[in-house]
Amino acid sequence: MKVAKDLVAASATPMVLGILAEADSYGYAILRRINELSGGELDWTEGLLYPLLHRLERLGYVESSWQAVAGERRRKYYRVTESGLAELAEQRRQWETVVGALKEIWRGDAQPFAVVPV
């Protein structure tokens, strides 16, 4: 199954902020985590992730720093800021509203829309 591009785009910010709220991380590890969390259904590319990380950094939601790990090359690590945590809380509130509405619709409990003759 392929997840629609618009759904991937809409969920990208809260997913990345949520992963960084768990722990500081670097690009490749974020990509692996997204793949793992989705059971392989979301196979993001660097072309999706890095522009998003740069945008989140410009907005002040994440900060980055280069770190060297013994025996490995330097990596750019990202961490969520206080502002990013506040944005994550707002994104979570919005997604909970959307998911709740979808669950109601799919359960069949939602009232059908009234069709008004024109």
N, C-alpha and C. Protein backbone atom coordinates (compact mmCIF):
# COMPACT_ATOMS: atom_id res chain seq x y z
N MET A 1 0.84 -1.18 0.00
CA MET A 1 0.00 0.00 0.00
C MET A 1 0.88 1.24 0.00
N LYS A 2 0.53 2.19 -0.80
CA LYS A 2 1.28 3.45 -0.86
C LYS A 2 0.44 4.54 -0.21
N VAL A 3 1.02 5.23 0.76
CA VAL A 3 0.32 6.32 1.43
C VAL A 3 0.36 7.54 0.53
N ALA A 4 -0.78 8.19 0.37
CA ALA A 4 -0.90 9.35 -0.51
C ALA A 4 0.04 10.47 -0.09
N LYS A 5 0.59 11.14 -1.10
CA LYS A 5 1.56 12.21 -0.87
C LYS A 5 1.03 13.30 0.04
N ASP A 6 -0.24 13.69 -0.14
CA ASP A 6 -0.77 14.77 0.68
C ASP A 6 -0.91 14.36 2.14
N LEU A 7 -1.18 13.08 2.41
CA LEU A 7 -1.26 12.60 3.78
C LEU A 7 0.13 12.54 4.40
N VAL A 8 1.12 12.12 3.63
CA VAL A 8 2.50 12.11 4.11
C VAL A 8 2.93 13.53 4.46
N ALA A 9 2.64 14.47 3.57
CA ALA A 9 3.03 15.87 3.80
C ALA A 9 2.35 16.44 5.05
N ALA A 10 1.07 16.14 5.21
CA ALA A 10 0.33 16.67 6.36
C ALA A 10 0.84 16.11 7.69
N SER A 11 1.31 14.88 7.68
CA SER A 11 1.74 14.24 8.92
C SER A 11 3.24 14.38 9.20
N ALA A 12 3.99 14.93 8.27
CA ALA A 12 5.45 14.97 8.40
C ALA A 12 5.93 15.77 9.61
N THR A 13 5.40 16.96 9.80
CA THR A 13 5.87 17.80 10.91
C THR A 13 5.62 17.15 12.26
N PRO A 14 4.39 16.71 12.57
CA PRO A 14 4.21 16.11 13.89
C PRO A 14 5.01 14.82 14.06
N MET A 15 5.23 14.08 12.99
CA MET A 15 6.01 12.85 13.11
C MET A 15 7.46 13.16 13.48
N VAL A 16 8.06 14.11 12.78
CA VAL A 16 9.46 14.44 13.05
C VAL A 16 9.60 15.08 14.43
N LEU A 17 8.72 16.01 14.77
CA LEU A 17 8.79 16.62 16.09
C LEU A 17 8.58 15.58 17.19
N GLY A 18 7.69 14.63 16.96
CA GLY A 18 7.46 13.57 17.94
C GLY A 18 8.68 12.67 18.14
N ILE A 19 9.33 12.35 17.04
CA ILE A 19 10.55 11.52 17.13
C ILE A 19 11.64 12.29 17.88
N LEU A 20 11.79 13.57 17.57
CA LEU A 20 12.82 14.36 18.25
C LEU A 20 12.46 14.65 19.70
N ALA A 21 11.18 14.60 20.04
CA ALA A 21 10.78 14.76 21.44
C ALA A 21 11.21 13.53 22.26
N GLU A 22 11.31 12.38 21.59
CA GLU A 22 11.79 11.16 22.26
C GLU A 22 13.28 11.28 22.58
N ALA A 23 14.05 11.78 21.61
CA ALA A 23 15.50 11.91 21.78
C ALA A 23 16.08 12.67 20.60
N ASP A 24 17.21 13.33 20.80
CA ASP A 24 17.93 13.96 19.70
C ASP A 24 18.27 12.88 18.67
N SER A 25 18.33 13.27 17.41
CA SER A 25 18.61 12.27 16.38
C SER A 25 19.19 12.94 15.14
N TYR A 26 19.64 12.11 14.21
CA TYR A 26 20.18 12.59 12.94
C TYR A 26 19.33 12.03 11.81
N GLY A 27 19.51 12.58 10.62
CA GLY A 27 18.64 12.29 9.50
C GLY A 27 18.37 10.82 9.22
N TYR A 28 19.42 10.05 9.03
CA TYR A 28 19.24 8.65 8.68
C TYR A 28 18.49 7.90 9.77
N ALA A 29 18.78 8.19 11.02
CA ALA A 29 18.09 7.53 12.13
C ALA A 29 16.61 7.93 12.17
N ILE A 30 16.30 9.16 11.82
CA ILE A 30 14.90 9.60 11.76
C ILE A 30 14.18 8.82 10.67
N LEU A 31 14.81 8.69 9.50
CA LEU A 31 14.21 7.93 8.41
C LEU A 31 13.94 6.48 8.82
N ARG A 32 14.89 5.86 9.49
CA ARG A 32 14.72 4.48 9.96
C ARG A 32 13.57 4.38 10.95
N ARG A 33 13.49 5.35 11.86
CA ARG A 33 12.44 5.34 12.90
C ARG A 33 11.05 5.46 12.26
N ILE A 34 10.91 6.33 11.28
CA ILE A 34 9.63 6.49 10.59
C ILE A 34 9.25 5.19 9.90
N ASN A 35 10.21 4.58 9.23
CA ASN A 35 9.96 3.31 8.56
C ASN A 35 9.53 2.24 9.57
N GLU A 36 10.23 2.19 10.69
CA GLU A 36 9.94 1.22 11.73
C GLU A 36 8.55 1.44 12.33
N LEU A 37 8.23 2.69 12.67
CA LEU A 37 6.94 3.00 13.29
C LEU A 37 5.76 2.69 12.37
N SER A 38 5.98 2.79 11.08
CA SER A 38 4.90 2.56 10.11
C SER A 38 4.88 1.13 9.59
N GLY A 39 5.71 0.28 10.14
CA GLY A 39 5.77 -1.10 9.65
C GLY A 39 6.22 -1.17 8.20
N GLY A 40 7.03 -0.20 7.79
CA GLY A 40 7.56 -0.17 6.43
C GLY A 40 6.64 0.51 5.42
N GLU A 41 5.48 0.97 5.84
CA GLU A 41 4.54 1.61 4.92
C GLU A 41 4.98 3.01 4.52
N LEU A 42 5.69 3.69 5.41
CA LEU A 42 6.20 5.03 5.10
C LEU A 42 7.70 4.90 4.86
N ASP A 43 8.08 5.03 3.63
CA ASP A 43 9.48 4.90 3.25
C ASP A 43 9.95 6.26 2.73
N TRP A 44 10.18 7.17 3.67
CA TRP A 44 10.56 8.53 3.33
C TRP A 44 11.94 8.55 2.69
N THR A 45 12.18 9.57 1.90
CA THR A 45 13.49 9.79 1.30
C THR A 45 14.16 10.97 1.97
N GLU A 46 15.45 11.10 1.72
CA GLU A 46 16.19 12.26 2.21
C GLU A 46 15.62 13.54 1.62
N GLY A 47 15.12 13.45 0.38
CA GLY A 47 14.54 14.61 -0.29
C GLY A 47 13.28 15.12 0.37
N LEU A 48 12.62 14.30 1.14
CA LEU A 48 11.47 14.74 1.92
C LEU A 48 11.91 15.24 3.28
N LEU A 49 12.81 14.51 3.93
CA LEU A 49 13.18 14.81 5.31
C LEU A 49 14.01 16.07 5.46
N TYR A 50 15.08 16.22 4.69
CA TYR A 50 16.00 17.33 4.95
C TYR A 50 15.39 18.71 4.71
N PRO A 51 14.60 18.91 3.66
CA PRO A 51 13.93 20.22 3.54
C PRO A 51 12.99 20.48 4.72
N LEU A 52 12.34 19.44 5.22
CA LEU A 52 11.47 19.60 6.39
C LEU A 52 12.28 19.99 7.61
N LEU A 53 13.40 19.30 7.86
CA LEU A 53 14.25 19.65 9.00
C LEU A 53 14.76 21.08 8.90
N HIS A 54 15.14 21.49 7.71
CA HIS A 54 15.62 22.87 7.53
C HIS A 54 14.51 23.88 7.79
N ARG A 55 13.29 23.56 7.35
CA ARG A 55 12.16 24.46 7.60
C ARG A 55 11.85 24.52 9.08
N LEU A 56 11.86 23.38 9.76
CA LEU A 56 11.61 23.36 11.20
C LEU A 56 12.68 24.14 11.96
N GLU A 57 13.89 24.09 11.46
CA GLU A 57 14.97 24.85 12.08
C GLU A 57 14.75 26.36 11.87
N ARG A 58 14.37 26.75 10.66
CA ARG A 58 14.09 28.18 10.39
C ARG A 58 12.95 28.70 11.27
N LEU A 59 11.97 27.85 11.54
CA LEU A 59 10.83 28.23 12.37
C LEU A 59 11.17 28.24 13.86
N GLY A 60 12.34 27.71 14.20
CA GLY A 60 12.76 27.67 15.60
C GLY A 60 12.23 26.47 16.36
N TYR A 61 11.70 25.47 15.65
CA TYR A 61 11.16 24.29 16.30
C TYR A 61 12.22 23.24 16.60
N VAL A 62 13.32 23.27 15.85
CA VAL A 62 14.45 22.38 16.11
C VAL A 62 15.75 23.17 16.02
N GLU A 63 16.76 22.64 16.67
CA GLU A 63 18.12 23.17 16.57
C GLU A 63 19.02 22.02 16.15
N SER A 64 20.12 22.35 15.51
CA SER A 64 21.03 21.30 15.06
C SER A 64 22.45 21.60 15.51
N SER A 65 23.22 20.53 15.59
CA SER A 65 24.65 20.67 15.89
C SER A 65 25.37 19.47 15.30
N TRP A 66 26.61 19.71 14.88
CA TRP A 66 27.43 18.62 14.35
C TRP A 66 28.07 17.90 15.51
N GLN A 67 28.03 16.56 15.46
CA GLN A 67 28.64 15.76 16.51
C GLN A 67 29.46 14.65 15.88
N ALA A 68 30.59 14.39 16.49
CA ALA A 68 31.46 13.31 16.03
C ALA A 68 31.27 12.10 16.93
N VAL A 69 31.15 10.95 16.32
CA VAL A 69 31.05 9.69 17.05
C VAL A 69 32.33 8.92 16.74
N ALA A 70 32.98 8.37 17.76
CA ALA A 70 34.24 7.67 17.58
C ALA A 70 34.14 6.61 16.49
N GLY A 71 35.05 6.69 15.54
CA GLY A 71 35.12 5.71 14.46
C GLY A 71 34.12 5.95 13.34
N GLU A 72 33.34 6.99 13.43
CA GLU A 72 32.35 7.30 12.40
C GLU A 72 32.51 8.74 11.97
N ARG A 73 31.89 9.08 10.85
CA ARG A 73 31.96 10.46 10.39
C ARG A 73 31.01 11.34 11.21
N ARG A 74 31.25 12.64 11.13
CA ARG A 74 30.39 13.58 11.85
C ARG A 74 28.96 13.51 11.32
N ARG A 75 28.03 13.73 12.24
CA ARG A 75 26.62 13.73 11.87
C ARG A 75 25.97 14.99 12.41
N LYS A 76 24.99 15.47 11.68
CA LYS A 76 24.24 16.63 12.14
C LYS A 76 23.05 16.12 12.95
N TYR A 77 23.08 16.40 14.24
CA TYR A 77 22.01 15.98 15.14
C TYR A 77 21.01 17.11 15.31
N TYR A 78 19.75 16.72 15.43
CA TYR A 78 18.66 17.67 15.61
C TYR A 78 18.02 17.42 16.97
N ARG A 79 17.61 18.52 17.59
CA ARG A 79 16.88 18.41 18.86
C ARG A 79 15.71 19.36 18.82
N VAL A 80 14.63 18.96 19.46
CA VAL A 80 13.43 19.79 19.48
C VAL A 80 13.62 20.90 20.52
N THR A 81 13.12 22.08 20.23
CA THR A 81 13.19 23.22 21.15
C THR A 81 11.89 23.30 21.96
N GLU A 82 11.86 24.22 22.92
CA GLU A 82 10.62 24.46 23.68
C GLU A 82 9.50 24.88 22.74
N SER A 83 9.84 25.73 21.77
CA SER A 83 8.86 26.16 20.78
C SER A 83 8.37 24.97 19.95
N GLY A 84 9.27 24.07 19.64
CA GLY A 84 8.91 22.86 18.89
C GLY A 84 7.99 21.95 19.70
N LEU A 85 8.24 21.86 21.01
CA LEU A 85 7.36 21.05 21.86
C LEU A 85 5.96 21.65 21.93
N ALA A 86 5.89 22.98 21.96
CA ALA A 86 4.58 23.65 21.96
C ALA A 86 3.87 23.39 20.64
N GLU A 87 4.60 23.45 19.52
CA GLU A 87 4.01 23.17 18.22
C GLU A 87 3.57 21.71 18.13
N LEU A 88 4.35 20.80 18.68
CA LEU A 88 3.99 19.39 18.70
C LEU A 88 2.68 19.19 19.47
N ALA A 89 2.53 19.86 20.60
CA ALA A 89 1.30 19.75 21.39
C ALA A 89 0.10 20.25 20.58
N GLU A 90 0.27 21.35 19.86
CA GLU A 90 -0.81 21.88 19.02
C GLU A 90 -1.12 20.93 17.86
N GLN A 91 -0.09 20.41 17.21
CA GLN A 91 -0.28 19.46 16.12
C GLN A 91 -1.00 18.20 16.63
N ARG A 92 -0.61 17.76 17.80
CA ARG A 92 -1.25 16.56 18.39
C ARG A 92 -2.73 16.82 18.63
N ARG A 93 -3.06 18.00 19.17
CA ARG A 93 -4.46 18.34 19.42
C ARG A 93 -5.25 18.31 18.11
N GLN A 94 -4.67 18.89 17.06
CA GLN A 94 -5.35 18.91 15.77
C GLN A 94 -5.53 17.50 15.21
N TRP A 95 -4.48 16.69 15.27
CA TRP A 95 -4.57 15.33 14.74
C TRP A 95 -5.56 14.49 15.53
N GLU A 96 -5.62 14.69 16.84
CA GLU A 96 -6.59 13.94 17.64
C GLU A 96 -8.02 14.29 17.21
N THR A 97 -8.26 15.54 16.87
CA THR A 97 -9.57 15.96 16.37
C THR A 97 -9.88 15.27 15.04
N VAL A 98 -8.91 15.29 14.12
CA VAL A 98 -9.12 14.66 12.81
C VAL A 98 -9.33 13.15 12.96
N VAL A 99 -8.48 12.50 13.72
CA VAL A 99 -8.58 11.04 13.90
C VAL A 99 -9.90 10.69 14.58
N GLY A 100 -10.31 11.47 15.56
CA GLY A 100 -11.58 11.22 16.24
C GLY A 100 -12.75 11.32 15.27
N ALA A 101 -12.73 12.34 14.43
CA ALA A 101 -13.81 12.49 13.45
C ALA A 101 -13.83 11.33 12.46
N LEU A 102 -12.66 10.93 11.99
CA LEU A 102 -12.59 9.80 11.05
C LEU A 102 -13.10 8.51 11.70
N LYS A 103 -12.74 8.29 12.94
CA LYS A 103 -13.21 7.08 13.63
C LYS A 103 -14.73 7.07 13.73
N GLU A 104 -15.31 8.22 14.02
CA GLU A 104 -16.77 8.31 14.09
C GLU A 104 -17.39 8.01 12.72
N ILE A 105 -16.83 8.57 11.69
CA ILE A 105 -17.35 8.36 10.34
C ILE A 105 -17.24 6.88 9.97
N TRP A 106 -16.08 6.29 10.19
CA TRP A 106 -15.85 4.92 9.80
C TRP A 106 -16.63 3.92 10.65
N ARG A 107 -16.95 4.31 11.86
CA ARG A 107 -17.72 3.43 12.72
C ARG A 107 -19.18 3.42 12.29
N GLY A 108 -19.56 4.46 11.54
CA GLY A 108 -20.93 4.52 11.05
C GLY A 108 -21.87 5.25 11.99
N ASP A 109 -21.32 5.83 13.06
CA ASP A 109 -22.15 6.53 14.02
C ASP A 109 -22.42 7.98 13.62
N ALA A 110 -21.67 8.47 12.67
CA ALA A 110 -21.83 9.87 12.28
C ALA A 110 -23.18 10.05 11.59
N GLN A 111 -23.82 11.16 11.85
CA GLN A 111 -25.09 11.47 11.21
C GLN A 111 -24.81 11.86 9.77
N PRO A 112 -25.60 11.35 8.83
CA PRO A 112 -25.39 11.73 7.43
C PRO A 112 -25.70 13.20 7.24
N PHE A 113 -25.02 13.78 6.26
CA PHE A 113 -25.28 15.17 5.92
C PHE A 113 -26.66 15.28 5.30
N ALA A 114 -27.37 16.31 5.68
CA ALA A 114 -28.68 16.56 5.06
C ALA A 114 -28.47 17.15 3.69
N VAL A 115 -29.16 16.63 2.71
CA VAL A 115 -29.07 17.16 1.37
C VAL A 115 -30.17 18.20 1.22
N VAL A 116 -29.76 19.40 0.94
CA VAL A 116 -30.72 20.49 0.79
C VAL A 116 -30.95 20.71 -0.70
N PRO A 117 -32.21 20.62 -1.15
CA PRO A 117 -32.48 20.85 -2.57
C PRO A 117 -32.14 22.28 -2.96
N VAL A 118 -31.61 22.44 -4.14
CA VAL A 118 -31.22 23.76 -4.62
C VAL A 118 -32.25 24.31 -5.56
